[in-house]
C-alpha atoms as a PDB file:
ATOM      1  CA  MET A   1       3.481  -6.562 -40.233  1.00  0.00           C
ATOM      2  CA  SER A   2       6.551  -8.016 -41.949  1.00  0.00           C
ATOM      3  CA  ASN A   3       7.219 -11.700 -42.668  1.00  0.00           C
ATOM      4  CA  PHE A   4       9.994 -11.608 -40.170  1.00  0.00           C
ATOM      5  CA  THR A   5       7.561 -10.934 -37.336  1.00  0.00           C
ATOM      6  CA  GLY A   6       5.585 -14.033 -38.375  1.00  0.00           C
ATOM      7  CA  MET A   7       8.963 -16.080 -38.314  1.00  0.00           C
ATOM      8  CA  VAL A   8       9.696 -14.821 -34.999  1.00  0.00           C
ATOM      9  CA  LEU A   9       6.210 -15.670 -33.562  1.00  0.00           C
ATOM     10  CA  ASP A  10       6.157 -19.093 -35.266  1.00  0.00           C
ATOM     11  CA  TYR A  11       9.620 -19.931 -34.169  1.00  0.00           C
ATOM     12  CA  ILE A  12       9.238 -18.816 -30.473  1.00  0.00           C
ATOM     13  CA  ARG A  13       6.350 -20.510 -28.687  1.00  0.00           C
ATOM     14  CA  LEU A  14       4.153 -17.987 -26.786  1.00  0.00           C
ATOM     15  CA  LYS A  15       2.936 -19.114 -23.387  1.00  0.00           C
ATOM     16  CA  GLU A  16      -0.167 -21.284 -23.639  1.00  0.00           C
ATOM     17  CA  ILE A  17      -3.355 -19.492 -22.987  1.00  0.00           C
ATOM     18  CA  LYS A  18      -5.901 -22.213 -21.968  1.00  0.00           C
ATOM     19  CA  PRO A  19      -3.931 -23.582 -18.942  1.00  0.00           C
ATOM     20  CA  ALA A  20      -3.454 -19.959 -17.703  1.00  0.00           C
ATOM     21  CA  LEU A  21      -7.219 -19.014 -18.032  1.00  0.00           C
ATOM     22  CA  SER A  22      -8.267 -22.339 -16.382  1.00  0.00           C
ATOM     23  CA  GLY A  23      -5.822 -21.589 -13.588  1.00  0.00           C
ATOM     24  CA  TYR A  24      -7.204 -18.131 -12.902  1.00  0.00           C
ATOM     25  CA  ILE A  25     -10.829 -19.499 -12.591  1.00  0.00           C
ATOM     26  CA  SER A  26      -9.792 -22.603 -10.764  1.00  0.00           C
ATOM     27  CA  ASP A  27      -7.844 -20.480  -8.152  1.00  0.00           C
ATOM     28  CA  SER A  28     -10.801 -18.148  -7.651  1.00  0.00           C
ATOM     29  CA  LEU A  29     -13.125 -21.158  -6.980  1.00  0.00           C
ATOM     30  CA  LEU A  30     -10.611 -22.505  -4.441  1.00  0.00           C
ATOM     31  CA  MET A  31     -10.525 -19.171  -2.605  1.00  0.00           C
ATOM     32  CA  LEU A  32     -14.329 -18.820  -2.694  1.00  0.00           C
ATOM     33  CA  MET A  33     -14.751 -22.242  -1.181  1.00  0.00           C
ATOM     34  CA  ARG A  34     -12.309 -21.656   1.749  1.00  0.00           C
ATOM     35  CA  SER A  35     -14.881 -20.044   4.012  1.00  0.00           C
ATOM     36  CA  PRO A  36     -18.673 -19.267   3.981  1.00  0.00           C
ATOM     37  CA  ILE A  37     -17.725 -15.480   3.280  1.00  0.00           C
ATOM     38  CA  PRO A  38     -14.541 -14.618   1.258  1.00  0.00           C
ATOM     39  CA  ASP A  39     -12.229 -12.249   3.415  1.00  0.00           C
ATOM     40  CA  ASP A  40     -10.574  -9.123   2.232  1.00  0.00           C
ATOM     41  CA  GLU A  41      -7.377 -10.783   0.917  1.00  0.00           C
ATOM     42  CA  ALA A  42      -9.533 -13.329  -0.951  1.00  0.00           C
ATOM     43  CA  ILE A  43     -11.879 -10.689  -2.403  1.00  0.00           C
ATOM     44  CA  HIS A  44      -8.833  -8.685  -3.681  1.00  0.00           C
ATOM     45  CA  GLU A  45      -7.115 -11.798  -5.217  1.00  0.00           C
ATOM     46  CA  ILE A  46     -10.263 -13.078  -6.919  1.00  0.00           C
ATOM     47  CA  ARG A  47     -10.981  -9.638  -8.401  1.00  0.00           C
ATOM     48  CA  VAL A  48      -7.347  -9.547  -9.851  1.00  0.00           C
ATOM     49  CA  LEU A  49      -7.880 -13.045 -11.318  1.00  0.00           C
ATOM     50  CA  MET A  50     -11.003 -11.864 -12.908  1.00  0.00           C
ATOM     51  CA  LYS A  51      -9.269  -8.877 -14.337  1.00  0.00           C
ATOM     52  CA  LYS A  52      -6.640 -11.361 -15.751  1.00  0.00           C
ATOM     53  CA  SER A  53      -9.447 -13.404 -17.137  1.00  0.00           C
ATOM     54  CA  ARG A  54     -11.035 -10.607 -18.925  1.00  0.00           C
ATOM     55  CA  ALA A  55      -7.761  -9.461 -20.391  1.00  0.00           C
ATOM     56  CA  THR A  56      -6.948 -12.885 -21.554  1.00  0.00           C
ATOM     57  CA  ILE A  57     -10.433 -13.506 -23.158  1.00  0.00           C
ATOM     58  CA  LYS A  58     -10.034 -10.068 -24.991  1.00  0.00           C
ATOM     59  CA  LEU A  59      -6.713 -11.537 -26.505  1.00  0.00           C
ATOM     60  CA  LEU A  60      -8.705 -14.345 -27.902  1.00  0.00           C
ATOM     61  CA  ALA A  61     -11.582 -12.127 -29.323  1.00  0.00           C
ATOM     62  CA  SER A  62     -10.715 -12.651 -33.013  1.00  0.00           C
ATOM     63  CA  GLN A  63     -10.297 -16.437 -32.544  1.00  0.00           C
ATOM     64  CA  LEU A  64     -13.566 -17.158 -30.730  1.00  0.00           C
ATOM     65  CA  ASP A  65     -17.117 -16.891 -31.907  1.00  0.00           C
ATOM     66  CA  MET A  66     -18.828 -13.613 -30.685  1.00  0.00           C
ATOM     67  CA  GLU A  67     -21.236 -15.917 -28.567  1.00  0.00           C
ATOM     68  CA  SER A  68     -18.501 -17.769 -26.687  1.00  0.00           C
ATOM     69  CA  PHE A  69     -16.543 -14.469 -26.207  1.00  0.00           C
ATOM     70  CA  ASN A  70     -19.436 -12.603 -24.702  1.00  0.00           C
ATOM     71  CA  ARG A  71     -20.557 -15.475 -22.544  1.00  0.00           C
ATOM     72  CA  GLU A  72     -16.980 -15.759 -20.952  1.00  0.00           C
ATOM     73  CA  TYR A  73     -16.430 -12.140 -20.646  1.00  0.00           C
ATOM     74  CA  VAL A  74     -19.733 -11.434 -18.951  1.00  0.00           C
ATOM     75  CA  SER A  75     -19.098 -14.360 -16.445  1.00  0.00           C
ATOM     76  CA  TYR A  76     -15.803 -12.837 -15.363  1.00  0.00           C
ATOM     77  CA  ARG A  77     -17.185  -9.210 -15.373  1.00  0.00           C
ATOM     78  CA  ASP A  78     -20.264 -10.132 -13.243  1.00  0.00           C
ATOM     79  CA  THR A  79     -17.965 -11.918 -10.814  1.00  0.00           C
ATOM     80  CA  GLY A  80     -15.892  -8.931 -10.184  1.00  0.00           C
ATOM     81  CA  ARG A  81     -18.916  -6.705  -9.800  1.00  0.00           C
ATOM     82  CA  VAL A  82     -20.541  -8.930  -7.106  1.00  0.00           C
ATOM     83  CA  LEU A  83     -17.287  -8.694  -5.130  1.00  0.00           C
ATOM     84  CA  CYS A  84     -16.736  -4.945  -5.704  1.00  0.00           C
ATOM     85  CA  SER A  85     -19.123  -3.667  -3.126  1.00  0.00           C
ATOM     86  CA  TRP A  86     -17.424  -5.893  -0.483  1.00  0.00           C
ATOM     87  CA  ARG A  87     -14.023  -4.538  -1.341  1.00  0.00           C
ATOM     88  CA  ASP A  88     -15.077  -0.851  -1.364  1.00  0.00           C
ATOM     89  CA  SER A  89     -15.789  -0.387   2.416  1.00  0.00           C
ATOM     90  CA  SER A  90     -12.533  -1.969   3.515  1.00  0.00           C
ATOM     91  CA  VAL A  91     -10.448   0.051   0.883  1.00  0.00           C
ATOM     92  CA  HIS A  92     -12.264   3.399   2.087  1.00  0.00           C
ATOM     93  CA  ARG A  93     -11.378   2.565   5.612  1.00  0.00           C
ATOM     94  CA  LYS A  94      -7.734   1.793   5.088  1.00  0.00           C
ATOM     95  CA  THR A  95      -7.259   4.987   2.931  1.00  0.00           C
ATOM     96  CA  LEU A  96      -9.057   7.162   5.398  1.00  0.00           C
ATOM     97  CA  LYS A  97      -6.786   5.580   8.309  1.00  0.00           C
ATOM     98  CA  SER A  98      -3.741   6.463   6.539  1.00  0.00           C
ATOM     99  CA  LEU A  99      -4.759   9.982   6.110  1.00  0.00           C
ATOM    100  CA  LYS A 100      -5.779  10.219   9.670  1.00  0.00           C
ATOM    101  CA  LYS A 101      -2.399   8.830  11.002  1.00  0.00           C
ATOM    102  CA  ALA A 102      -0.782  11.770   8.951  1.00  0.00           C
ATOM    103  CA  ASN A 103      -3.185  14.367   9.923  1.00  0.00           C
ATOM    104  CA  ARG A 104      -4.347  13.696  13.549  1.00  0.00           C
ATOM    105  CA  LYS A 105      -5.031  17.291  14.436  1.00  0.00           C
ATOM    106  CA  LEU A 106      -7.199  17.686  11.372  1.00  0.00           C
ATOM    107  CA  PHE A 107      -9.114  14.558  12.089  1.00  0.00           C
ATOM    108  CA  SER A 108      -9.912  15.763  15.653  1.00  0.00           C
ATOM    109  CA  GLN A 109     -11.737  18.787  14.069  1.00  0.00           C
ATOM    110  CA  LEU A 110     -13.710  16.244  11.848  1.00  0.00           C
ATOM    111  CA  ALA A 111     -14.810  14.268  15.021  1.00  0.00           C
ATOM    112  CA  ASP A 112     -18.401  15.247  14.484  1.00  0.00           C
ATOM    113  CA  TYR A 113     -18.522  14.636  10.706  1.00  0.00           C
ATOM    114  CA  GLN A 114     -20.687  11.484  10.598  1.00  0.00           C
ATOM    115  CA  LYS A 115     -19.650  10.185   7.155  1.00  0.00           C
ATOM    116  CA  VAL A 116     -16.054  10.153   7.991  1.00  0.00           C
ATOM    117  CA  ASN A 117     -16.571   8.428  11.393  1.00  0.00           C
ATOM    118  CA  GLU A 118     -18.774   5.880   9.832  1.00  0.00           C
ATOM    119  CA  LEU A 119     -15.970   4.929   7.324  1.00  0.00           C
ATOM    120  CA  LEU A 120     -13.354   4.702  10.111  1.00  0.00           C
ATOM    121  CA  VAL A 121     -15.468   2.187  12.006  1.00  0.00           C
ATOM    122  CA  LYS A 122     -13.996  -1.353  11.394  1.00  0.00           C
ATOM    123  CA  PHE A 123     -16.158  -3.663   9.557  1.00  0.00           C
ATOM    124  CA  GLU A 124     -17.027  -6.725  11.550  1.00  0.00           C
ATOM    125  CA  GLN A 125     -17.754  -9.994   9.867  1.00  0.00           C
ATOM    126  CA  PRO A 126     -21.271 -10.992  10.802  1.00  0.00           C
ATOM    127  CA  THR A 127     -21.589 -13.868  13.212  1.00  0.00           C
ATOM    128  CA  GLU A 128     -24.437 -15.277  11.209  1.00  0.00           C
ATOM    129  CA  ILE A 129     -24.400 -15.769   7.424  1.00  0.00           C
ATOM    130  CA  THR A 130     -27.495 -14.248   5.891  1.00  0.00           C
ATOM    131  CA  PRO A 131     -29.437 -15.928   3.176  1.00  0.00           C
ATOM    132  CA  GLU A 132     -28.558 -13.131   0.919  1.00  0.00           C
ATOM    133  CA  VAL A 133     -24.788 -13.348   1.507  1.00  0.00           C
ATOM    134  CA  THR A 134     -24.915 -17.123   0.943  1.00  0.00           C
ATOM    135  CA  ALA A 135     -26.772 -16.711  -2.247  1.00  0.00           C
ATOM    136  CA  ARG A 136     -24.372 -14.162  -3.641  1.00  0.00           C
ATOM    137  CA  VAL A 137     -21.279 -16.510  -2.957  1.00  0.00           C
ATOM    138  CA  GLU A 138     -23.280 -19.502  -4.478  1.00  0.00           C
ATOM    139  CA  ASN A 139     -23.990 -17.340  -7.590  1.00  0.00           C
ATOM    140  CA  ILE A 140     -20.400 -16.608  -8.056  1.00  0.00           C
ATOM    141  CA  GLN A 141     -19.324 -20.215  -7.614  1.00  0.00           C
ATOM    142  CA  ASP A 142     -22.083 -21.340 -10.087  1.00  0.00           C
ATOM    143  CA  ILE A 143     -20.805 -18.814 -12.669  1.00  0.00           C
ATOM    144  CA  LEU A 144     -17.150 -19.782 -12.410  1.00  0.00           C
ATOM    145  CA  LYS A 145     -17.971 -23.521 -12.496  1.00  0.00           C
ATOM    146  CA  LYS A 146     -19.920 -23.244 -15.628  1.00  0.00           C
ATOM    147  CA  SER A 147     -17.152 -21.241 -17.286  1.00  0.00           C
ATOM    148  CA  ILE A 148     -14.457 -23.750 -16.464  1.00  0.00           C
ATOM    149  CA  TYR A 149     -16.751 -26.438 -17.659  1.00  0.00           C
ATOM    150  CA  ARG A 150     -17.149 -24.699 -21.037  1.00  0.00           C
ATOM    151  CA  LEU A 151     -13.497 -23.931 -21.260  1.00  0.00           C
ATOM    152  CA  ARG A 152     -12.780 -27.522 -21.445  1.00  0.00           C
ATOM    153  CA  PHE A 153     -14.435 -27.753 -24.876  1.00  0.00           C
ATOM    154  CA  TYR A 154     -12.723 -24.794 -26.416  1.00  0.00           C
ATOM    155  CA  THR A 155     -10.029 -25.684 -29.053  1.00  0.00           C
ATOM    156  CA  LEU A 156      -7.164 -23.282 -28.024  1.00  0.00           C
ATOM    157  CA  ASP A 157      -4.099 -25.241 -28.900  1.00  0.00           C
ATOM    158  CA  LYS A 158      -3.765 -23.986 -32.450  1.00  0.00           C
ATOM    159  CA  LEU A 159      -4.133 -20.250 -31.975  1.00  0.00           C
ATOM    160  CA  ASP A 160      -2.670 -17.890 -34.573  1.00  0.00           C
ATOM    161  CA  PRO A 161       0.234 -16.072 -33.077  1.00  0.00           C
ATOM    162  CA  GLN A 162      -0.250 -13.135 -35.607  1.00  0.00           C
ATOM    163  CA  LEU A 163      -3.779 -12.549 -34.475  1.00  0.00           C
ATOM    164  CA  LEU A 164      -2.735 -12.499 -30.856  1.00  0.00           C
ATOM    165  CA  LEU A 165      -0.099 -10.057 -31.565  1.00  0.00           C
ATOM    166  CA  LYS A 166      -2.789  -8.018 -33.426  1.00  0.00           C
ATOM    167  CA  GLU A 167      -5.202  -7.959 -30.333  1.00  0.00           C
ATOM    168  CA  LEU A 168      -2.098  -6.959 -28.151  1.00  0.00           C
ATOM    169  CA  GLU A 169      -1.445  -4.059 -30.505  1.00  0.00           C
ATOM    170  CA  THR A 170      -5.229  -3.221 -30.257  1.00  0.00           C
ATOM    171  CA  SER A 171      -4.764  -3.011 -26.593  1.00  0.00           C
ATOM    172  CA  TYR A 172      -1.616  -0.984 -26.791  1.00  0.00           C
ATOM    173  CA  LYS A 173      -3.325   1.546 -29.247  1.00  0.00           C
ATOM    174  CA  THR A 174      -6.399   1.973 -26.847  1.00  0.00           C
ATOM    175  CA  VAL A 175      -4.196   2.684 -23.893  1.00  0.00           C
ATOM    176  CA  SER A 176      -2.045   5.148 -25.895  1.00  0.00           C
ATOM    177  CA  GLU A 177      -5.137   7.120 -26.906  1.00  0.00           C
ATOM    178  CA  ILE A 178      -6.636   7.269 -23.571  1.00  0.00           C
ATOM    179  CA  TYR A 179      -3.095   8.294 -22.047  1.00  0.00           C
ATOM    180  CA  LEU A 180      -3.043  11.365 -24.500  1.00  0.00           C
ATOM    181  CA  ASP A 181      -6.580  12.231 -23.537  1.00  0.00           C
ATOM    182  CA  CYS A 182      -5.761  11.967 -19.807  1.00  0.00           C
ATOM    183  CA  ARG A 183      -2.562  13.951 -20.173  1.00  0.00           C
ATOM    184  CA  ASN A 184      -4.455  16.787 -21.710  1.00  0.00           C
ATOM    185  CA  ASN A 185      -7.472  16.664 -19.553  1.00  0.00           C
ATOM    186  CA  PRO A 186      -7.060  14.503 -16.471  1.00  0.00           C
ATOM    187  CA  ARG A 187     -10.674  13.731 -15.523  1.00  0.00           C
ATOM    188  CA  PRO A 188     -11.091  11.092 -12.711  1.00  0.00           C
ATOM    189  CA  ALA A 189     -13.377   8.980 -14.774  1.00  0.00           C
ATOM    190  CA  ARG A 190     -10.775   8.955 -17.696  1.00  0.00           C
ATOM    191  CA  ILE A 191      -7.915   8.274 -15.475  1.00  0.00           C
ATOM    192  CA  HIS A 192      -9.858   5.184 -14.101  1.00  0.00           C
ATOM    193  CA  GLU A 193     -10.332   4.087 -17.645  1.00  0.00           C
ATOM    194  CA  PHE A 194      -6.566   4.620 -18.458  1.00  0.00           C
ATOM    195  CA  ARG A 195      -5.927   2.242 -15.459  1.00  0.00           C
ATOM    196  CA  LYS A 196      -8.362  -0.572 -16.610  1.00  0.00           C
ATOM    197  CA  LYS A 197      -7.071  -0.585 -20.168  1.00  0.00           C
ATOM    198  CA  ALA A 198      -3.436  -0.333 -18.926  1.00  0.00           C
ATOM    199  CA  LYS A 199      -4.168  -3.481 -16.730  1.00  0.00           C
ATOM    200  CA  ASP A 200      -5.564  -5.290 -19.711  1.00  0.00           C
ATOM    201  CA  PHE A 201      -2.431  -4.488 -21.751  1.00  0.00           C
ATOM    202  CA  LEU A 202      -0.248  -5.594 -18.652  1.00  0.00           C
ATOM    203  CA  TYR A 203      -2.024  -8.966 -18.144  1.00  0.00           C
ATOM    204  CA  GLN A 204      -1.965  -9.728 -21.814  1.00  0.00           C
ATOM    205  CA  LEU A 205       1.853  -9.031 -22.103  1.00  0.00           C
ATOM    206  CA  TYR A 206       2.512 -12.120 -19.924  1.00  0.00           C
ATOM    207  CA  PHE A 207       1.829 -14.498 -22.858  1.00  0.00           C
ATOM    208  CA  PHE A 208       4.364 -12.812 -24.895  1.00  0.00           C
ATOM    209  CA  ARG A 209       7.338 -13.040 -22.550  1.00  0.00           C
ATOM    210  CA  PRO A 210       9.176 -15.658 -24.587  1.00  0.00           C
ATOM    211  CA  LEU A 211       9.619 -13.039 -27.277  1.00  0.00           C
ATOM    212  CA  ASN A 212      11.937 -11.244 -24.990  1.00  0.00           C
ATOM    213  CA  PRO A 213      11.861 -12.553 -21.406  1.00  0.00           C
ATOM    214  CA  GLN A 214      13.993  -9.829 -19.757  1.00  0.00           C
ATOM    215  CA  GLY A 215      12.618  -6.872 -21.632  1.00  0.00           C
ATOM    216  CA  ILE A 216       8.846  -7.734 -21.377  1.00  0.00           C
ATOM    217  CA  LYS A 217       9.241  -8.549 -17.559  1.00  0.00           C
ATOM    218  CA  GLY A 218      10.832  -5.161 -17.273  1.00  0.00           C
ATOM    219  CA  LEU A 219       7.955  -3.616 -19.120  1.00  0.00           C
ATOM    220  CA  GLU A 220       5.474  -5.498 -16.869  1.00  0.00           C
ATOM    221  CA  LYS A 221       7.228  -4.251 -13.807  1.00  0.00           C
ATOM    222  CA  ARG A 222       6.883  -0.668 -15.046  1.00  0.00           C
ATOM    223  CA  LEU A 223       3.256  -1.048 -16.001  1.00  0.00           C
ATOM    224  CA  ASP A 224       2.417  -2.796 -12.601  1.00  0.00           C
ATOM    225  CA  ASN A 225       3.966   0.227 -10.693  1.00  0.00           C
ATOM    226  CA  MET A 226       2.110   2.656 -12.795  1.00  0.00           C
ATOM    227  CA  THR A 227      -1.236   1.013 -12.506  1.00  0.00           C
ATOM    228  CA  GLN A 228      -0.878   0.668  -8.745  1.00  0.00           C
ATOM    229  CA  ASN A 229      -0.415   4.426  -8.475  1.00  0.00           C
ATOM    230  CA  LEU A 230      -3.477   4.895 -10.913  1.00  0.00           C
ATOM    231  CA  GLY A 231      -5.345   2.668  -8.487  1.00  0.00           C
ATOM    232  CA  LYS A 232      -4.298   4.586  -5.396  1.00  0.00           C
ATOM    233  CA  CYS A 233      -5.435   7.827  -6.968  1.00  0.00           C
ATOM    234  CA  ASN A 234      -8.760   6.302  -8.000  1.00  0.00           C
ATOM    235  CA  ASP A 235      -9.306   5.076  -4.505  1.00  0.00           C
ATOM    236  CA  LEU A 236      -9.086   8.589  -3.218  1.00  0.00           C
ATOM    237  CA  THR A 237     -11.549   9.743  -5.855  1.00  0.00           C
ATOM    238  CA  GLN A 238     -13.929   7.073  -4.704  1.00  0.00           C
ATOM    239  CA  LEU A 239     -13.347   8.210  -1.174  1.00  0.00           C
ATOM    240  CA  ILE A 240     -14.363  11.702  -1.884  1.00  0.00           C
ATOM    241  CA  ASN A 241     -17.634  10.518  -3.598  1.00  0.00           C
ATOM    242  CA  THR A 242     -18.327   8.310  -0.563  1.00  0.00           C
ATOM    243  CA  ILE A 243     -17.856  11.138   1.947  1.00  0.00           C
ATOM    244  CA  GLY A 244     -20.283  13.180  -0.388  1.00  0.00           C
ATOM    245  CA  TYR A 245     -18.097  16.151  -0.637  1.00  0.00           C
ATOM    246  CA  VAL A 246     -19.162  18.825  -3.160  1.00  0.00           C
ATOM    247  CA  TYR A 247     -16.854  21.685  -3.816  1.00  0.00           C
ATOM    248  CA  GLY A 248     -18.551  25.181  -3.065  1.00  0.00           C
ATOM    249  CA  ASP A 249     -21.087  23.670  -0.802  1.00  0.00           C
ATOM    250  CA  PRO A 250     -21.768  26.444   1.931  1.00  0.00           C
ATOM    251  CA  ALA A 251     -22.122  23.528   4.509  1.00  0.00           C
ATOM    252  CA  ASN A 252     -18.491  22.456   4.030  1.00  0.00           C
ATOM    253  CA  THR A 253     -16.402  23.231   6.986  1.00  0.00           C
ATOM    254  CA  PRO A 254     -12.794  24.630   6.970  1.00  0.00           C
ATOM    255  CA  ALA A 255     -11.683  21.279   8.255  1.00  0.00           C
ATOM    256  CA  LEU A 256     -13.446  19.270   5.475  1.00  0.00           C
ATOM    257  CA  ASN A 257     -12.149  21.556   2.753  1.00  0.00           C
ATOM    258  CA  GLU A 258      -8.632  21.128   4.254  1.00  0.00           C
ATOM    259  CA  LEU A 259      -9.140  17.343   4.077  1.00  0.00           C
ATOM    260  CA  MET A 260     -10.014  17.524   0.419  1.00  0.00           C
ATOM    261  CA  VAL A 261      -7.034  19.684  -0.279  1.00  0.00           C
ATOM    262  CA  ILE A 262      -4.810  16.983   1.386  1.00  0.00           C
ATOM    263  CA  ILE A 263      -6.519  14.283  -0.535  1.00  0.00           C
ATOM    264  CA  LYS A 264      -5.748  16.165  -3.886  1.00  0.00           C
ATOM    265  CA  GLU A 265      -2.283  16.727  -2.970  1.00  0.00           C
ATOM    266  CA  ARG A 266      -1.780  12.886  -2.429  1.00  0.00           C
ATOM    267  CA  GLN A 267      -3.431  12.220  -5.684  1.00  0.00           C
ATOM    268  CA  ASP A 268      -0.941  14.605  -7.367  1.00  0.00           C
ATOM    269  CA  GLN A 269       1.927  12.628  -5.863  1.00  0.00           C
ATOM    270  CA  TYR A 270       0.631   9.421  -7.334  1.00  0.00           C
ATOM    271  CA  MET A 271      -0.082  10.862 -10.736  1.00  0.00           C
ATOM    272  CA  GLY A 272       3.517  12.341 -10.572  1.00  0.00           C
ATOM    273  CA  ARG A 273       4.831   8.814 -10.452  1.00  0.00           C
ATOM    274  CA  VAL A 274       2.568   7.808 -13.173  1.00  0.00           C
ATOM    275  CA  TRP A 275       3.328  10.223 -15.962  1.00  0.00           C
ATOM    276  CA  PRO A 276       7.015   9.651 -16.524  1.00  0.00           C
ATOM    277  CA  SER A 277       6.580   5.873 -17.124  1.00  0.00           C
ATOM    278  CA  ALA A 278       3.429   6.477 -19.176  1.00  0.00           C
ATOM    279  CA  TYR A 279       5.201   8.961 -21.379  1.00  0.00           C
ATOM    280  CA  LYS A 280       7.975   6.370 -22.181  1.00  0.00           C
ATOM    281  CA  ILE A 281       5.511   3.591 -23.046  1.00  0.00           C
ATOM    282  CA  PHE A 282       2.504   5.264 -24.531  1.00  0.00           C
ATOM    283  CA  CYS A 283       3.900   8.587 -25.939  1.00  0.00           C
ATOM    284  CA  PRO A 284       2.471   9.472 -29.325  1.00  0.00           C
ATOM    285  CA  GLY A 285       4.335   7.926 -32.264  1.00  0.00           C
ATOM    286  CA  GLN A 286       5.498   5.026 -30.155  1.00  0.00           C
ATOM    287  CA  GLN A 287       5.327   1.514 -31.825  1.00  0.00           C
ATOM    288  CA  LEU A 288       4.331  -1.553 -29.899  1.00  0.00           C
ATOM    289  CA  ILE A 289       7.078  -3.713 -31.518  1.00  0.00           C
ATOM    290  CA  ASN A 290       9.739  -1.399 -30.156  1.00  0.00           C
ATOM    291  CA  ILE A 291       8.165  -1.350 -26.705  1.00  0.00           C
ATOM    292  CA  LEU A 292       8.244  -5.264 -26.915  1.00  0.00           C
ATOM    293  CA  GLY A 293      11.986  -4.923 -27.379  1.00  0.00           C
ATOM    294  CA  PHE A 294      12.893  -6.798 -30.555  1.00  0.00           C
ATOM    295  CA  LYS A 295      13.446  -5.321 -34.080  1.00  0.00           C
ATOM    296  CA  ILE A 296      11.577  -5.978 -37.236  1.00  0.00           C
ATOM    297  CA  LEU A 297      13.510  -6.542 -40.501  1.00  0.00           C
ATOM    298  CA  VAL A 298      11.644  -4.614 -43.250  1.00  0.00           C
ATOM    299  CA  ILE A 299      11.469  -6.938 -46.366  1.00  0.00           C
END
């Protein structure tokens, strides 16, 4: 990296990381404390905030000791995992309802298929809060309270901008490698990994906006649209897994096979929206510095 890059980063102050990270955690705690059980909207928002927190702590990896990095990363990861199971049933139902709305005749032929019908039944919040649910919510709150307390004592006001850019470049290269793998062999698990790593890169970009506000915001918008389509594709993959469909099973009815074809076609549509943007951002030979939208003077 040239001296000019260092001058750019030193002259233009990047967005402060500590206040942003504290905000992600504080906002999550506030949403958890609004009601005994977080609703679908709160669960979604908290999971997004935890993804942002994980991406942010990765950006700090080279400027934190390993123990501190692992402790915070695991805290954010575990919080997201606890909430994941609560989100899944709601997402499966919404996805399946969307498919039913567009294919009512087909779904009438699936009326006796138990797993599909179970997923279509609306989840009702329990009238009584079980000790297990209470314990899970309290556990999440405890994890986040401890994390935000520890964060107060981290010295993050003299971060090296060169190291931050290096970590961003590492994220970019990781996504680029996975993109190439997915383009050659689009396996569901790898596409899911592509989305996760692209999200890391997206959330880390926020702190570099001052380098090129308009250009980086435009890049963030393209990445956000791309990862949303990857997420919809993954939701359909998880729906197939939840239904328990196995291609070639003699027990599969024509209606069930048709449903899977429709799901696959919808996934193709989502991926068709992903590839053009992904190519422009992550194609082989592309350099991060050019993606960020400012030039380097070679000295």
